[in-house]
Amino acid sequence: MKKYLYISIFLAVFALSGCNNDESDQEKVVAESPITEQSRAINNEASTTKIEDAAPIPLKLTQEQKEEYYQKYVTIIEKLNSEDMDFELELEPITNFVDEYWIAIEDFEKLAKDRANMSIVILENSERYNPMIVPKTVKLQIGSKETDIMFKGSFDTQLNTNTPGGRQLFSAFHSISSEAANADGSWTQLGYEGSLMDGGVNYVIDIGGKFSQGGIISSHIVTLKFNCNINGAIS
């Protein structure tokens, strides 16, 4: 059974050379650098350059060629699943493949490897929310690209006078929903299980789901922790 790891996102960060006195030279280098195979986003404030791989070019294939390519895709997925990858993969049925899914074999292999080695980071909320709607963001880092899965939990809290000075604690967990935040991939939530922890201060919820992108499906269990403060606000 594949293990699910929560690790920090690995970003390809390159320091821009020079100092404040060389700003004009930096701008000249950026302006003269051709952007062809990769799309480049420049964060001037942080003085970093982020490289994002260009999307593979779709192929125009006949039905017979599509069937041949699909079998080669299957072989790649089976090979990766036999290795020590972080996530197990499966292919969408060939009938679900849209035109942009048909890419060169080497491009598909790279895409599949990135998916099998993707990292998942659960972002901490910077503020607290009403218990009825509590958002959580989970970031998927797939190669040089990112996808966000947005979760929303719904709870009740109540004042507990048995605690020192009295405080709000979780009293009920109603539901949790989730969806991918962009149109490039889709997330299907399959189920969840919640556990009240630490005397009602925390609620830990395991959510199972599948992420589909580029014709490749990966299965995940995401564990989210919701915290109730003394006044009943949730993070």
C-alpha atoms as a PDB file:
ATOM      1  CA  MET A   1       0.000   0.000   0.000  1.00  0.00           C
ATOM      2  CA  LYS A   2       1.399   3.376  -0.997  1.00  0.00           C
ATOM      3  CA  LYS A   3       2.324   5.752   1.778  1.00  0.00           C
ATOM      4  CA  TYR A   4       1.025   9.287   1.857  1.00  0.00           C
ATOM      5  CA  LEU A   5       3.614  11.873   2.742  1.00  0.00           C
ATOM      6  CA  TYR A   6       3.057  15.494   3.647  1.00  0.00           C
ATOM      7  CA  ILE A   7       6.230  17.304   2.718  1.00  0.00           C
ATOM      8  CA  SER A   8       7.166  20.886   1.983  1.00  0.00           C
ATOM      9  CA  ILE A   9       6.659  22.138  -1.547  1.00  0.00           C
ATOM     10  CA  PHE A  10       9.929  22.124  -3.506  1.00  0.00           C
ATOM     11  CA  LEU A  11      10.206  25.366  -5.472  1.00  0.00           C
ATOM     12  CA  ALA A  12      12.706  25.971  -8.258  1.00  0.00           C
ATOM     13  CA  VAL A  13      14.147  29.290  -7.045  1.00  0.00           C
ATOM     14  CA  PHE A  14      17.013  31.115  -8.725  1.00  0.00           C
ATOM     15  CA  ALA A  15      18.562  34.222  -7.160  1.00  0.00           C
ATOM     16  CA  LEU A  16      18.704  37.155  -9.553  1.00  0.00           C
ATOM     17  CA  SER A  17      22.309  38.321  -9.826  1.00  0.00           C
ATOM     18  CA  GLY A  18      23.533  41.753  -8.934  1.00  0.00           C
ATOM     19  CA  CYS A  19      22.547  44.373  -6.366  1.00  0.00           C
ATOM     20  CA  ASN A  20      20.525  47.580  -6.318  1.00  0.00           C
ATOM     21  CA  ASN A  21      23.132  49.389  -8.404  1.00  0.00           C
ATOM     22  CA  ASP A  22      22.745  46.781 -11.157  1.00  0.00           C
ATOM     23  CA  GLU A  23      18.947  46.935 -11.473  1.00  0.00           C
ATOM     24  CA  SER A  24      19.095  48.342 -14.989  1.00  0.00           C
ATOM     25  CA  ASP A  25      21.447  45.533 -16.061  1.00  0.00           C
ATOM     26  CA  GLN A  26      19.066  42.947 -14.561  1.00  0.00           C
ATOM     27  CA  GLU A  27      16.129  44.395 -16.450  1.00  0.00           C
ATOM     28  CA  LYS A  28      18.126  44.270 -19.656  1.00  0.00           C
ATOM     29  CA  VAL A  29      19.005  40.602 -19.159  1.00  0.00           C
ATOM     30  CA  VAL A  30      15.367  39.708 -18.435  1.00  0.00           C
ATOM     31  CA  ALA A  31      14.143  41.636 -21.452  1.00  0.00           C
ATOM     32  CA  GLU A  32      16.667  40.004 -23.800  1.00  0.00           C
ATOM     33  CA  SER A  33      16.140  36.435 -22.551  1.00  0.00           C
ATOM     34  CA  PRO A  34      13.798  34.562 -24.919  1.00  0.00           C
ATOM     35  CA  ILE A  35      10.954  32.661 -23.237  1.00  0.00           C
ATOM     36  CA  THR A  36      10.331  29.684 -25.466  1.00  0.00           C
ATOM     37  CA  GLU A  37      10.209  26.260 -23.839  1.00  0.00           C
ATOM     38  CA  GLN A  38       9.384  27.557 -20.383  1.00  0.00           C
ATOM     39  CA  SER A  39       7.095  30.235 -19.042  1.00  0.00           C
ATOM     40  CA  ARG A  40       8.812  32.469 -16.493  1.00  0.00           C
ATOM     41  CA  ALA A  41       7.224  34.431 -13.663  1.00  0.00           C
ATOM     42  CA  ILE A  42       9.460  37.026 -12.040  1.00  0.00           C
ATOM     43  CA  ASN A  43       8.904  38.178  -8.480  1.00  0.00           C
ATOM     44  CA  ASN A  44      10.886  41.428  -8.342  1.00  0.00           C
ATOM     45  CA  GLU A  45       9.996  42.027  -4.725  1.00  0.00           C
ATOM     46  CA  ALA A  46      11.603  38.773  -3.592  1.00  0.00           C
ATOM     47  CA  SER A  47      14.340  38.988  -6.275  1.00  0.00           C
ATOM     48  CA  THR A  48      13.579  35.441  -7.447  1.00  0.00           C
ATOM     49  CA  THR A  49      12.713  33.799 -10.728  1.00  0.00           C
ATOM     50  CA  LYS A  50      10.216  30.962 -10.845  1.00  0.00           C
ATOM     51  CA  ILE A  51      10.369  28.560 -13.779  1.00  0.00           C
ATOM     52  CA  GLU A  52       7.271  26.651 -14.837  1.00  0.00           C
ATOM     53  CA  ASP A  53       7.472  23.923 -17.461  1.00  0.00           C
ATOM     54  CA  ALA A  54       5.492  24.575 -20.602  1.00  0.00           C
ATOM     55  CA  ALA A  55       2.552  22.242 -21.223  1.00  0.00           C
ATOM     56  CA  PRO A  56       3.278  19.358 -23.608  1.00  0.00           C
ATOM     57  CA  ILE A  57       2.069  19.886 -27.163  1.00  0.00           C
ATOM     58  CA  PRO A  58      -0.959  17.640 -27.926  1.00  0.00           C
ATOM     59  CA  LEU A  59      -0.634  15.206 -30.816  1.00  0.00           C
ATOM     60  CA  LYS A  60      -3.099  14.671 -33.637  1.00  0.00           C
ATOM     61  CA  LEU A  61      -3.574  10.904 -33.708  1.00  0.00           C
ATOM     62  CA  THR A  62      -5.809   8.508 -35.561  1.00  0.00           C
ATOM     63  CA  GLN A  63      -8.001   6.172 -33.527  1.00  0.00           C
ATOM     64  CA  GLU A  64      -5.569   3.322 -34.177  1.00  0.00           C
ATOM     65  CA  GLN A  65      -2.643   5.461 -33.009  1.00  0.00           C
ATOM     66  CA  LYS A  66      -4.574   6.498 -29.899  1.00  0.00           C
ATOM     67  CA  GLU A  67      -5.060   2.859 -28.947  1.00  0.00           C
ATOM     68  CA  GLU A  68      -1.348   2.198 -29.420  1.00  0.00           C
ATOM     69  CA  TYR A  69      -0.384   5.238 -27.355  1.00  0.00           C
ATOM     70  CA  TYR A  70      -2.868   4.342 -24.628  1.00  0.00           C
ATOM     71  CA  GLN A  71      -1.268   0.918 -24.198  1.00  0.00           C
ATOM     72  CA  LYS A  72       2.135   2.573 -23.886  1.00  0.00           C
ATOM     73  CA  TYR A  73       0.685   4.923 -21.267  1.00  0.00           C
ATOM     74  CA  VAL A  74      -0.641   1.879 -19.402  1.00  0.00           C
ATOM     75  CA  THR A  75       2.845   0.330 -19.413  1.00  0.00           C
ATOM     76  CA  ILE A  76       4.363   3.516 -17.959  1.00  0.00           C
ATOM     77  CA  ILE A  77       1.766   3.658 -15.180  1.00  0.00           C
ATOM     78  CA  GLU A  78       2.249  -0.015 -14.298  1.00  0.00           C
ATOM     79  CA  LYS A  79       6.030   0.430 -14.189  1.00  0.00           C
ATOM     80  CA  LEU A  80       5.792   3.433 -11.867  1.00  0.00           C
ATOM     81  CA  ASN A  81       3.335   1.622  -9.587  1.00  0.00           C
ATOM     82  CA  SER A  82       5.832  -1.230  -9.242  1.00  0.00           C
ATOM     83  CA  GLU A  83       8.489   1.182  -7.997  1.00  0.00           C
ATOM     84  CA  ASP A  84       8.791   2.958  -4.660  1.00  0.00           C
ATOM     85  CA  MET A  85       6.766   6.036  -5.544  1.00  0.00           C
ATOM     86  CA  ASP A  86       4.800   8.184  -3.126  1.00  0.00           C
ATOM     87  CA  PHE A  87       1.426   7.739  -4.831  1.00  0.00           C
ATOM     88  CA  GLU A  88      -0.201   5.001  -6.853  1.00  0.00           C
ATOM     89  CA  LEU A  89      -1.598   6.023 -10.213  1.00  0.00           C
ATOM     90  CA  GLU A  90      -4.260   4.877 -12.636  1.00  0.00           C
ATOM     91  CA  LEU A  91      -5.344   5.977 -16.090  1.00  0.00           C
ATOM     92  CA  GLU A  92      -8.643   7.460 -17.054  1.00  0.00           C
ATOM     93  CA  PRO A  93     -10.513   5.128 -19.438  1.00  0.00           C
ATOM     94  CA  ILE A  94      -9.532   5.775 -23.041  1.00  0.00           C
ATOM     95  CA  THR A  95     -13.086   6.960 -23.702  1.00  0.00           C
ATOM     96  CA  ASN A  96     -12.474   9.825 -21.240  1.00  0.00           C
ATOM     97  CA  PHE A  97      -9.313  11.014 -22.963  1.00  0.00           C
ATOM     98  CA  VAL A  98      -9.760  14.459 -24.500  1.00  0.00           C
ATOM     99  CA  ASP A  99      -7.558  15.820 -27.287  1.00  0.00           C
ATOM    100  CA  GLU A 100      -5.008  17.507 -24.999  1.00  0.00           C
ATOM    101  CA  TYR A 101      -4.296  14.237 -23.155  1.00  0.00           C
ATOM    102  CA  TRP A 102      -2.620  12.719 -26.205  1.00  0.00           C
ATOM    103  CA  ILE A 103       1.027  13.709 -25.871  1.00  0.00           C
ATOM    104  CA  ALA A 104       4.405  12.232 -26.770  1.00  0.00           C
ATOM    105  CA  ILE A 105       5.434   9.138 -24.823  1.00  0.00           C
ATOM    106  CA  GLU A 106       8.399  10.879 -23.186  1.00  0.00           C
ATOM    107  CA  ASP A 107       6.185  13.798 -22.169  1.00  0.00           C
ATOM    108  CA  PHE A 108       3.617  11.442 -20.662  1.00  0.00           C
ATOM    109  CA  GLU A 109       6.316   9.561 -18.758  1.00  0.00           C
ATOM    110  CA  LYS A 110       7.594  12.817 -17.240  1.00  0.00           C
ATOM    111  CA  LEU A 111       4.036  13.850 -16.376  1.00  0.00           C
ATOM    112  CA  ALA A 112       3.366  10.499 -14.716  1.00  0.00           C
ATOM    113  CA  LYS A 113       6.625  10.624 -12.725  1.00  0.00           C
ATOM    114  CA  ASP A 114       5.800  14.112 -11.492  1.00  0.00           C
ATOM    115  CA  ARG A 115       2.382  12.869 -10.351  1.00  0.00           C
ATOM    116  CA  ALA A 116       3.832   9.819  -8.599  1.00  0.00           C
ATOM    117  CA  ASN A 117       6.309  12.055  -6.745  1.00  0.00           C
ATOM    118  CA  MET A 118       4.020  15.011  -6.095  1.00  0.00           C
ATOM    119  CA  SER A 119       4.107  16.719  -2.717  1.00  0.00           C
ATOM    120  CA  ILE A 120       1.151  17.790  -0.586  1.00  0.00           C
ATOM    121  CA  VAL A 121       1.246  20.762   1.776  1.00  0.00           C
ATOM    122  CA  ILE A 122      -1.587  21.787   4.081  1.00  0.00           C
ATOM    123  CA  LEU A 123      -1.560  25.556   4.477  1.00  0.00           C
ATOM    124  CA  GLU A 124      -2.180  27.054   7.909  1.00  0.00           C
ATOM    125  CA  ASN A 125      -5.021  29.546   8.150  1.00  0.00           C
ATOM    126  CA  SER A 126      -3.848  33.074   8.908  1.00  0.00           C
ATOM    127  CA  GLU A 127      -7.183  33.965  10.527  1.00  0.00           C
ATOM    128  CA  ARG A 128     -10.075  32.323  12.348  1.00  0.00           C
ATOM    129  CA  TYR A 129     -13.593  31.714  11.061  1.00  0.00           C
ATOM    130  CA  ASN A 130     -17.185  31.163  12.073  1.00  0.00           C
ATOM    131  CA  PRO A 131     -17.523  27.426  12.838  1.00  0.00           C
ATOM    132  CA  MET A 132     -20.254  26.955  10.209  1.00  0.00           C
ATOM    133  CA  ILE A 133     -17.841  27.578   7.304  1.00  0.00           C
ATOM    134  CA  VAL A 134     -14.127  26.998   7.889  1.00  0.00           C
ATOM    135  CA  PRO A 135     -11.903  26.948   4.769  1.00  0.00           C
ATOM    136  CA  LYS A 136      -8.671  25.001   4.415  1.00  0.00           C
ATOM    137  CA  THR A 137      -6.288  25.026   1.452  1.00  0.00           C
ATOM    138  CA  VAL A 138      -4.208  22.014   0.411  1.00  0.00           C
ATOM    139  CA  LYS A 139      -1.531  22.667  -2.181  1.00  0.00           C
ATOM    140  CA  LEU A 140      -0.434  19.954  -4.625  1.00  0.00           C
ATOM    141  CA  GLN A 141       3.037  20.511  -6.072  1.00  0.00           C
ATOM    142  CA  ILE A 142       3.326  18.508  -9.302  1.00  0.00           C
ATOM    143  CA  GLY A 143       6.691  19.062 -10.931  1.00  0.00           C
ATOM    144  CA  SER A 144       6.949  22.823 -11.469  1.00  0.00           C
ATOM    145  CA  LYS A 145       3.181  23.352 -11.299  1.00  0.00           C
ATOM    146  CA  GLU A 146       0.780  23.805  -8.408  1.00  0.00           C
ATOM    147  CA  THR A 147      -2.880  22.993  -7.859  1.00  0.00           C
ATOM    148  CA  ASP A 148      -4.968  23.987  -4.844  1.00  0.00           C
ATOM    149  CA  ILE A 149      -7.698  21.833  -3.324  1.00  0.00           C
ATOM    150  CA  MET A 150     -10.138  23.928  -1.325  1.00  0.00           C
ATOM    151  CA  PHE A 151     -11.872  22.340   1.694  1.00  0.00           C
ATOM    152  CA  LYS A 152     -14.754  23.729   3.763  1.00  0.00           C
ATOM    153  CA  GLY A 153     -15.658  22.263   7.135  1.00  0.00           C
ATOM    154  CA  SER A 154     -18.833  22.889   9.116  1.00  0.00           C
ATOM    155  CA  PHE A 155     -19.001  22.594  12.926  1.00  0.00           C
ATOM    156  CA  ASP A 156     -20.824  23.659  16.059  1.00  0.00           C
ATOM    157  CA  THR A 157     -19.225  24.871  19.282  1.00  0.00           C
ATOM    158  CA  GLN A 158     -20.611  25.474  22.747  1.00  0.00           C
ATOM    159  CA  LEU A 159     -19.478  26.962  26.035  1.00  0.00           C
ATOM    160  CA  ASN A 160     -18.032  24.381  28.408  1.00  0.00           C
ATOM    161  CA  THR A 161     -18.132  25.541  32.028  1.00  0.00           C
ATOM    162  CA  ASN A 162     -16.172  22.509  33.214  1.00  0.00           C
ATOM    163  CA  THR A 163     -12.979  24.012  31.813  1.00  0.00           C
ATOM    164  CA  PRO A 164     -10.915  26.525  33.840  1.00  0.00           C
ATOM    165  CA  GLY A 165     -12.622  29.885  33.385  1.00  0.00           C
ATOM    166  CA  GLY A 166     -15.005  28.368  30.832  1.00  0.00           C
ATOM    167  CA  ARG A 167     -14.283  28.202  27.133  1.00  0.00           C
ATOM    168  CA  GLN A 168     -15.830  27.218  23.804  1.00  0.00           C
ATOM    169  CA  LEU A 169     -15.217  23.670  22.558  1.00  0.00           C
ATOM    170  CA  PHE A 170     -16.303  21.707  19.511  1.00  0.00           C
ATOM    171  CA  SER A 171     -19.728  20.188  20.082  1.00  0.00           C
ATOM    172  CA  ALA A 172     -20.526  18.785  16.614  1.00  0.00           C
ATOM    173  CA  PHE A 173     -19.032  18.151  13.189  1.00  0.00           C
ATOM    174  CA  HIS A 174     -21.567  18.445  10.370  1.00  0.00           C
ATOM    175  CA  SER A 175     -19.723  17.948   7.070  1.00  0.00           C
ATOM    176  CA  ILE A 176     -16.753  18.756   4.903  1.00  0.00           C
ATOM    177  CA  SER A 177     -16.680  19.473   1.164  1.00  0.00           C
ATOM    178  CA  SER A 178     -13.833  19.989  -1.281  1.00  0.00           C
ATOM    179  CA  GLU A 179     -13.005  20.860  -4.884  1.00  0.00           C
ATOM    180  CA  ALA A 180     -10.040  21.715  -7.089  1.00  0.00           C
ATOM    181  CA  ALA A 181      -9.458  25.446  -7.353  1.00  0.00           C
ATOM    182  CA  ASN A 182      -8.618  25.486 -11.064  1.00  0.00           C
ATOM    183  CA  ALA A 183     -10.013  23.947 -14.246  1.00  0.00           C
ATOM    184  CA  ASP A 184      -6.804  22.105 -15.172  1.00  0.00           C
ATOM    185  CA  GLY A 185      -7.591  19.209 -12.852  1.00  0.00           C
ATOM    186  CA  SER A 186     -10.530  17.754 -10.984  1.00  0.00           C
ATOM    187  CA  TRP A 187     -10.876  16.497  -7.419  1.00  0.00           C
ATOM    188  CA  THR A 188     -13.498  13.933  -6.397  1.00  0.00           C
ATOM    189  CA  GLN A 189     -14.133  13.574  -2.677  1.00  0.00           C
ATOM    190  CA  LEU A 190     -14.968   9.988  -1.765  1.00  0.00           C
ATOM    191  CA  GLY A 191     -15.532  10.074   1.977  1.00  0.00           C
ATOM    192  CA  TYR A 192     -14.327  11.360   5.331  1.00  0.00           C
ATOM    193  CA  GLU A 193     -14.021  10.431   8.994  1.00  0.00           C
ATOM    194  CA  GLY A 194     -13.683  12.860  11.902  1.00  0.00           C
ATOM    195  CA  SER A 195     -12.288  12.482  15.403  1.00  0.00           C
ATOM    196  CA  LEU A 196     -12.698  14.865  18.341  1.00  0.00           C
ATOM    197  CA  MET A 197      -9.333  15.400  20.029  1.00  0.00           C
ATOM    198  CA  ASP A 198      -7.806  17.105  23.069  1.00  0.00           C
ATOM    199  CA  GLY A 199     -11.030  17.370  25.031  1.00  0.00           C
ATOM    200  CA  GLY A 200     -12.867  19.131  22.226  1.00  0.00           C
ATOM    201  CA  VAL A 201     -10.210  21.709  21.332  1.00  0.00           C
ATOM    202  CA  ASN A 202      -9.279  20.051  18.016  1.00  0.00           C
ATOM    203  CA  TYR A 203     -11.131  18.125  15.324  1.00  0.00           C
ATOM    204  CA  VAL A 204      -9.065  15.896  13.039  1.00  0.00           C
ATOM    205  CA  ILE A 205     -10.685  14.800   9.788  1.00  0.00           C
ATOM    206  CA  ASP A 206      -9.352  12.276   7.252  1.00  0.00           C
ATOM    207  CA  ILE A 207     -10.700  12.947   3.750  1.00  0.00           C
ATOM    208  CA  GLY A 208     -10.299  10.448   0.931  1.00  0.00           C
ATOM    209  CA  GLY A 209     -10.408  11.511  -2.689  1.00  0.00           C
ATOM    210  CA  LYS A 210      -9.021  11.225  -6.198  1.00  0.00           C
ATOM    211  CA  PHE A 211      -7.265  13.884  -8.238  1.00  0.00           C
ATOM    212  CA  SER A 212      -7.449  13.652 -12.040  1.00  0.00           C
ATOM    213  CA  GLN A 213      -5.262  15.653 -14.381  1.00  0.00           C
ATOM    214  CA  GLY A 214      -3.981  14.949 -17.878  1.00  0.00           C
ATOM    215  CA  GLY A 215      -5.703  11.578 -17.964  1.00  0.00           C
ATOM    216  CA  ILE A 216      -3.889  10.391 -14.814  1.00  0.00           C
ATOM    217  CA  ILE A 217      -5.701   9.689 -11.528  1.00  0.00           C
ATOM    218  CA  SER A 218      -4.031   9.600  -8.113  1.00  0.00           C
ATOM    219  CA  SER A 219      -5.694   8.563  -4.842  1.00  0.00           C
ATOM    220  CA  HIS A 220      -5.115  10.479  -1.629  1.00  0.00           C
ATOM    221  CA  ILE A 221      -6.036  10.667   2.035  1.00  0.00           C
ATOM    222  CA  VAL A 222      -5.714  14.213   3.352  1.00  0.00           C
ATOM    223  CA  THR A 223      -5.706  14.765   7.114  1.00  0.00           C
ATOM    224  CA  LEU A 224      -6.894  18.188   8.271  1.00  0.00           C
ATOM    225  CA  LYS A 225      -6.836  19.546  11.826  1.00  0.00           C
ATOM    226  CA  PHE A 226      -9.283  22.240  12.891  1.00  0.00           C
ATOM    227  CA  ASN A 227      -8.654  24.160  16.119  1.00  0.00           C
ATOM    228  CA  CYS A 228     -11.240  25.906  18.315  1.00  0.00           C
ATOM    229  CA  ASN A 229     -10.014  28.841  20.383  1.00  0.00           C
ATOM    230  CA  ILE A 230     -11.418  29.980  23.712  1.00  0.00           C
ATOM    231  CA  ASN A 231     -14.037  32.171  22.008  1.00  0.00           C
ATOM    232  CA  GLY A 232     -15.232  29.533  19.529  1.00  0.00           C
ATOM    233  CA  ALA A 233     -13.437  30.849  16.428  1.00  0.00           C
ATOM    234  CA  ILE A 234     -11.981  28.114  14.229  1.00  0.00           C
ATOM    235  CA  SER A 235      -8.732  27.861  12.287  1.00  0.00           C
END
